[in-house]
Amino acid sequence: MDFSGRTGRVIENPVEAQSAALEEGQTWRKRSQRMNVLGSPSPLHPSSLSTVIHRTQVWFHGRIMREEAHKMIIQQGQVDGQSNPKAFVLTLCHHQKIKHFQILPCEEDGQVFFSLDDGATKFTDLIHLVEFYQLNRGVLPCKLKHPCTTVAL
């Protein structure tokens, strides 16, 4: 989505979407830096903001085992990656099969980006990544449609 004007619009072109996401990420970082300069109680380094902002989302479940992710998806209608401590895993159900996609952080010019496709499409944080794949299939077998919210197991 592009919210630079008075109304939002869906961006169909992946290159334009990436550009808008990067621009929005830079605006977010500048805004957080400005707030920190003005006396924010907990100063965050701009690159560390992109590593924690996703924790506020209903679809983020922290460090959970693969089996727990499977249970959550099955219980809600059909993982956080443990093998790479800096990676995240996007778990989805497609054609009644549960699939896991590793999200790897990559650093470029001192900034951390997240990618599902070895850096071909980069996002400043996981929220932008999820929003992009809700609108575009990209390397996934389908667009993201229904988030798996926290349920008691």
Foldseek 3Di string as FASTA:
>chain_A
DAPPDPDDDDDPDLVVLLVRQVVVLVVVLVVLVVVVVVPDPDRDHSQVCQVCVCVVDQQDDPADPPVVVQVLQVVVPGHQDPVDVQKGWDWDADPSDIDIFIWHWDDDPRHIWIDRPVPPRTGNHVVSVLVVQCRDVPPHPHRDDDGRGDDDD
